[in-house]
Amino acid sequence: MAQSWVTTASTNVEAMVNSLTAACDQGFVPEEIHVLSLPSVEAEVDEAMEYADRVVQAYGGPEPEIHRTSVDVETEFGQIRDHVQSAIEAADSEGNEVAVDITPGRKFMSAIAFATGMRYGADHVYYLYISSTDYFGQFYPEIPRTGLHLYDFTEGY
């Protein structure tokens, strides 16, 4: 069974990559990544996807297939929902396991991703909690394991 990762854009590259790295560290190594992108953060998304490619391959996965959904205006709420929903449905139709990452992005993006992931049956809805602002701006390998926790809301909290 292949694995698919669904995420949103952020001005913070680490926010887009750290949760993926944490998931890989727990055995979720995606073969494809669905990322939402906006013109204002295109460079950050490009950089994050370069890191994501290296992370997935470092955990033994193949070079991931990147699917990009471009949204011109960040408040296109329906397009954000469609990005997550269509990725879940595509994974389901192929028999793939799918994870929705709600860590990066604006609050409304995370809320929409969370609701859509739960409503449409994502296998995982992840949030990477970092316990201290001292670790913000650092990549996963630099953060002590006691300083972070990957929550999966499909496990019930």
C-alpha atoms as a PDB file:
ATOM      1  CA  MET A   1       0.000   0.000   0.000  1.00  0.00           C
ATOM      2  CA  ALA A   2       1.405   3.375  -1.035  1.00  0.00           C
ATOM      3  CA  GLN A   3       1.194   6.411   1.196  1.00  0.00           C
ATOM      4  CA  SER A   4       0.105   9.964   0.319  1.00  0.00           C
ATOM      5  CA  TRP A   5       0.838  13.181   2.222  1.00  0.00           C
ATOM      6  CA  VAL A   6      -1.454  16.243   2.038  1.00  0.00           C
ATOM      7  CA  THR A   7      -0.314  19.627   3.327  1.00  0.00           C
ATOM      8  CA  THR A   8      -0.712  23.374   2.950  1.00  0.00           C
ATOM      9  CA  ALA A   9       1.682  26.229   2.270  1.00  0.00           C
ATOM     10  CA  SER A  10       3.491  28.289   4.873  1.00  0.00           C
ATOM     11  CA  THR A  11       5.996  31.102   5.083  1.00  0.00           C
ATOM     12  CA  ASN A  12       7.991  28.752   7.303  1.00  0.00           C
ATOM     13  CA  VAL A  13       9.833  25.949   5.507  1.00  0.00           C
ATOM     14  CA  GLU A  14      10.423  24.060   8.762  1.00  0.00           C
ATOM     15  CA  ALA A  15       6.678  23.943   9.474  1.00  0.00           C
ATOM     16  CA  MET A  16       6.125  22.211   6.134  1.00  0.00           C
ATOM     17  CA  VAL A  17       9.012  19.750   6.550  1.00  0.00           C
ATOM     18  CA  ASN A  18       9.248  18.899  10.257  1.00  0.00           C
ATOM     19  CA  SER A  19       5.879  17.184  10.499  1.00  0.00           C
ATOM     20  CA  LEU A  20       6.675  15.127   7.402  1.00  0.00           C
ATOM     21  CA  THR A  21      10.003  14.132   8.945  1.00  0.00           C
ATOM     22  CA  ALA A  22       8.289  13.166  12.206  1.00  0.00           C
ATOM     23  CA  ALA A  23       5.771  11.046  10.286  1.00  0.00           C
ATOM     24  CA  CYS A  24       8.573   9.354   8.337  1.00  0.00           C
ATOM     25  CA  ASP A  25      10.337   8.701  11.631  1.00  0.00           C
ATOM     26  CA  GLN A  26       7.191   6.827  12.733  1.00  0.00           C
ATOM     27  CA  GLY A  27       6.990   4.807   9.511  1.00  0.00           C
ATOM     28  CA  PHE A  28       4.746   6.948   7.304  1.00  0.00           C
ATOM     29  CA  VAL A  29       6.959   7.474   4.226  1.00  0.00           C
ATOM     30  CA  PRO A  30       4.839   8.883   1.383  1.00  0.00           C
ATOM     31  CA  GLU A  31       5.290   8.162  -2.279  1.00  0.00           C
ATOM     32  CA  GLU A  32       3.349  11.267  -3.210  1.00  0.00           C
ATOM     33  CA  ILE A  33       2.914  14.703  -1.680  1.00  0.00           C
ATOM     34  CA  HIS A  34      -0.035  17.018  -2.325  1.00  0.00           C
ATOM     35  CA  VAL A  35       0.869  20.593  -1.415  1.00  0.00           C
ATOM     36  CA  LEU A  36      -1.184  23.772  -1.555  1.00  0.00           C
ATOM     37  CA  SER A  37       0.747  26.727  -2.907  1.00  0.00           C
ATOM     38  CA  LEU A  38       0.192  30.479  -3.050  1.00  0.00           C
ATOM     39  CA  PRO A  39       2.070  33.068  -5.135  1.00  0.00           C
ATOM     40  CA  SER A  40       3.286  34.850  -1.980  1.00  0.00           C
ATOM     41  CA  VAL A  41       5.039  31.725  -0.647  1.00  0.00           C
ATOM     42  CA  GLU A  42       6.050  29.976  -3.865  1.00  0.00           C
ATOM     43  CA  ALA A  43       9.775  30.130  -3.003  1.00  0.00           C
ATOM     44  CA  GLU A  44       9.177  28.637   0.455  1.00  0.00           C
ATOM     45  CA  VAL A  45       7.038  25.847  -0.993  1.00  0.00           C
ATOM     46  CA  ASP A  46       9.721  25.079  -3.583  1.00  0.00           C
ATOM     47  CA  GLU A  47      12.383  24.904  -0.873  1.00  0.00           C
ATOM     48  CA  ALA A  48      10.174  22.781   1.384  1.00  0.00           C
ATOM     49  CA  MET A  49       9.496  20.309  -1.419  1.00  0.00           C
ATOM     50  CA  GLU A  50      13.241  19.989  -2.057  1.00  0.00           C
ATOM     51  CA  TYR A  51      13.698  19.127   1.625  1.00  0.00           C
ATOM     52  CA  ALA A  52      10.685  16.807   1.529  1.00  0.00           C
ATOM     53  CA  ASP A  53      12.203  14.910  -1.398  1.00  0.00           C
ATOM     54  CA  ARG A  54      15.454  14.407   0.524  1.00  0.00           C
ATOM     55  CA  VAL A  55      13.632  13.418   3.723  1.00  0.00           C
ATOM     56  CA  VAL A  56      11.466  10.788   2.029  1.00  0.00           C
ATOM     57  CA  GLN A  57      14.451   9.284   0.245  1.00  0.00           C
ATOM     58  CA  ALA A  58      16.524   9.328   3.451  1.00  0.00           C
ATOM     59  CA  TYR A  59      13.806   7.178   5.047  1.00  0.00           C
ATOM     60  CA  GLY A  60      14.013   4.674   2.203  1.00  0.00           C
ATOM     61  CA  GLY A  61      11.161   5.945   0.061  1.00  0.00           C
ATOM     62  CA  PRO A  62      11.280   6.697  -3.636  1.00  0.00           C
ATOM     63  CA  GLU A  63      11.518  10.201  -5.006  1.00  0.00           C
ATOM     64  CA  PRO A  64       8.015  11.405  -4.134  1.00  0.00           C
ATOM     65  CA  GLU A  65       5.642  12.548  -6.823  1.00  0.00           C
ATOM     66  CA  ILE A  66       4.734  16.153  -5.997  1.00  0.00           C
ATOM     67  CA  HIS A  67       1.198  17.360  -6.780  1.00  0.00           C
ATOM     68  CA  ARG A  68       0.809  21.098  -6.418  1.00  0.00           C
ATOM     69  CA  THR A  69      -2.504  22.921  -6.062  1.00  0.00           C
ATOM     70  CA  SER A  70      -2.071  26.621  -6.766  1.00  0.00           C
ATOM     71  CA  VAL A  71      -4.473  29.076  -5.177  1.00  0.00           C
ATOM     72  CA  ASP A  72      -4.282  32.736  -6.161  1.00  0.00           C
ATOM     73  CA  VAL A  73      -5.923  34.129  -3.022  1.00  0.00           C
ATOM     74  CA  GLU A  74      -5.347  32.521   0.369  1.00  0.00           C
ATOM     75  CA  THR A  75      -8.971  33.013   1.425  1.00  0.00           C
ATOM     76  CA  GLU A  76     -10.330  30.768  -1.335  1.00  0.00           C
ATOM     77  CA  PHE A  77     -11.707  28.457   1.350  1.00  0.00           C
ATOM     78  CA  GLY A  78     -13.479  26.167  -1.109  1.00  0.00           C
ATOM     79  CA  GLN A  79     -10.279  25.597  -3.059  1.00  0.00           C
ATOM     80  CA  ILE A  80      -8.415  24.717   0.134  1.00  0.00           C
ATOM     81  CA  ARG A  81     -11.110  22.165   0.997  1.00  0.00           C
ATOM     82  CA  ASP A  82     -11.062  20.819  -2.569  1.00  0.00           C
ATOM     83  CA  HIS A  83      -7.258  20.438  -2.390  1.00  0.00           C
ATOM     84  CA  VAL A  84      -7.510  18.218   0.682  1.00  0.00           C
ATOM     85  CA  GLN A  85     -10.675  16.371  -0.357  1.00  0.00           C
ATOM     86  CA  SER A  86      -9.459  15.522  -3.850  1.00  0.00           C
ATOM     87  CA  ALA A  87      -6.134  14.221  -2.509  1.00  0.00           C
ATOM     88  CA  ILE A  88      -7.948  11.992   0.005  1.00  0.00           C
ATOM     89  CA  GLU A  89     -10.330  10.707  -2.668  1.00  0.00           C
ATOM     90  CA  ALA A  90      -7.477  10.046  -5.108  1.00  0.00           C
ATOM     91  CA  ALA A  91      -5.557   8.089  -2.464  1.00  0.00           C
ATOM     92  CA  ASP A  92      -8.667   6.131  -1.496  1.00  0.00           C
ATOM     93  CA  SER A  93      -9.437   5.241  -5.116  1.00  0.00           C
ATOM     94  CA  GLU A  94      -5.915   3.831  -5.482  1.00  0.00           C
ATOM     95  CA  GLY A  95      -6.057   1.976  -2.170  1.00  0.00           C
ATOM     96  CA  ASN A  96      -3.392   4.232  -0.670  1.00  0.00           C
ATOM     97  CA  GLU A  97      -3.042   5.312   2.927  1.00  0.00           C
ATOM     98  CA  VAL A  98      -3.383   9.087   3.268  1.00  0.00           C
ATOM     99  CA  ALA A  99      -2.232  11.568   5.901  1.00  0.00           C
ATOM    100  CA  VAL A 100      -3.359  15.183   6.175  1.00  0.00           C
ATOM    101  CA  ASP A 101      -0.889  17.503   7.877  1.00  0.00           C
ATOM    102  CA  ILE A 102      -2.510  20.458   9.638  1.00  0.00           C
ATOM    103  CA  THR A 103       0.754  21.853  11.054  1.00  0.00           C
ATOM    104  CA  PRO A 104       1.699  24.484   8.460  1.00  0.00           C
ATOM    105  CA  GLY A 105      -0.356  27.312   7.073  1.00  0.00           C
ATOM    106  CA  ARG A 106      -2.687  29.915   8.412  1.00  0.00           C
ATOM    107  CA  LYS A 107      -5.169  28.945  11.132  1.00  0.00           C
ATOM    108  CA  PHE A 108      -8.083  28.797   8.717  1.00  0.00           C
ATOM    109  CA  MET A 109      -6.096  26.525   6.394  1.00  0.00           C
ATOM    110  CA  SER A 110      -5.389  24.156   9.286  1.00  0.00           C
ATOM    111  CA  ALA A 111      -9.035  24.243  10.373  1.00  0.00           C
ATOM    112  CA  ILE A 112     -10.238  23.450   6.859  1.00  0.00           C
ATOM    113  CA  ALA A 113      -7.615  20.708   6.427  1.00  0.00           C
ATOM    114  CA  PHE A 114      -8.566  19.189   9.800  1.00  0.00           C
ATOM    115  CA  ALA A 115     -12.309  19.207   9.094  1.00  0.00           C
ATOM    116  CA  THR A 116     -11.859  17.844   5.578  1.00  0.00           C
ATOM    117  CA  GLY A 117      -9.419  15.152   6.682  1.00  0.00           C
ATOM    118  CA  MET A 118     -11.759  13.945   9.400  1.00  0.00           C
ATOM    119  CA  ARG A 119     -14.914  14.198   7.283  1.00  0.00           C
ATOM    120  CA  TYR A 120     -13.509  12.370   4.267  1.00  0.00           C
ATOM    121  CA  GLY A 121     -11.769   9.612   6.219  1.00  0.00           C
ATOM    122  CA  ALA A 122      -8.066  10.390   6.047  1.00  0.00           C
ATOM    123  CA  ASP A 123      -6.110   7.594   7.693  1.00  0.00           C
ATOM    124  CA  HIS A 124      -4.132  10.163   9.668  1.00  0.00           C
ATOM    125  CA  VAL A 125      -4.638  13.833  10.524  1.00  0.00           C
ATOM    126  CA  TYR A 126      -1.306  14.964  11.915  1.00  0.00           C
ATOM    127  CA  TYR A 127      -0.247  17.988  13.936  1.00  0.00           C
ATOM    128  CA  LEU A 128       3.352  18.444  15.067  1.00  0.00           C
ATOM    129  CA  TYR A 129       3.421  20.114  18.470  1.00  0.00           C
ATOM    130  CA  ILE A 130       6.679  21.842  19.385  1.00  0.00           C
ATOM    131  CA  SER A 131       6.866  22.570  23.104  1.00  0.00           C
ATOM    132  CA  SER A 132       9.023  25.692  23.068  1.00  0.00           C
ATOM    133  CA  THR A 133       9.490  28.696  20.822  1.00  0.00           C
ATOM    134  CA  ASP A 134      13.210  28.099  21.367  1.00  0.00           C
ATOM    135  CA  TYR A 135      12.930  25.379  18.711  1.00  0.00           C
ATOM    136  CA  PHE A 136      11.061  27.415  16.093  1.00  0.00           C
ATOM    137  CA  GLY A 137      13.106  27.814  12.934  1.00  0.00           C
ATOM    138  CA  GLN A 138      14.964  24.556  13.565  1.00  0.00           C
ATOM    139  CA  PHE A 139      14.666  21.369  11.584  1.00  0.00           C
ATOM    140  CA  TYR A 140      13.432  18.122  13.130  1.00  0.00           C
ATOM    141  CA  PRO A 141      16.887  16.539  13.651  1.00  0.00           C
ATOM    142  CA  GLU A 142      17.961  19.603  15.669  1.00  0.00           C
ATOM    143  CA  ILE A 143      15.015  19.454  18.101  1.00  0.00           C
ATOM    144  CA  PRO A 144      15.210  17.161  21.133  1.00  0.00           C
ATOM    145  CA  ARG A 145      12.572  14.416  20.924  1.00  0.00           C
ATOM    146  CA  THR A 146      11.237  15.604  24.291  1.00  0.00           C
ATOM    147  CA  GLY A 147      10.547  18.978  22.652  1.00  0.00           C
ATOM    148  CA  LEU A 148       8.006  17.738  20.146  1.00  0.00           C
ATOM    149  CA  HIS A 149       5.124  15.361  19.680  1.00  0.00           C
ATOM    150  CA  LEU A 150       3.354  14.242  16.514  1.00  0.00           C
ATOM    151  CA  TYR A 151      -0.359  14.017  17.246  1.00  0.00           C
ATOM    152  CA  ASP A 152      -2.666  11.951  15.070  1.00  0.00           C
ATOM    153  CA  PHE A 153      -6.215  13.167  15.605  1.00  0.00           C
ATOM    154  CA  THR A 154      -7.669  10.031  14.017  1.00  0.00           C
ATOM    155  CA  GLU A 155      -6.528   8.190  17.138  1.00  0.00           C
ATOM    156  CA  GLY A 156      -8.955  10.208  19.267  1.00  0.00           C
ATOM    157  CA  TYR A 157      -7.983  13.005  21.624  1.00  0.00           C
END
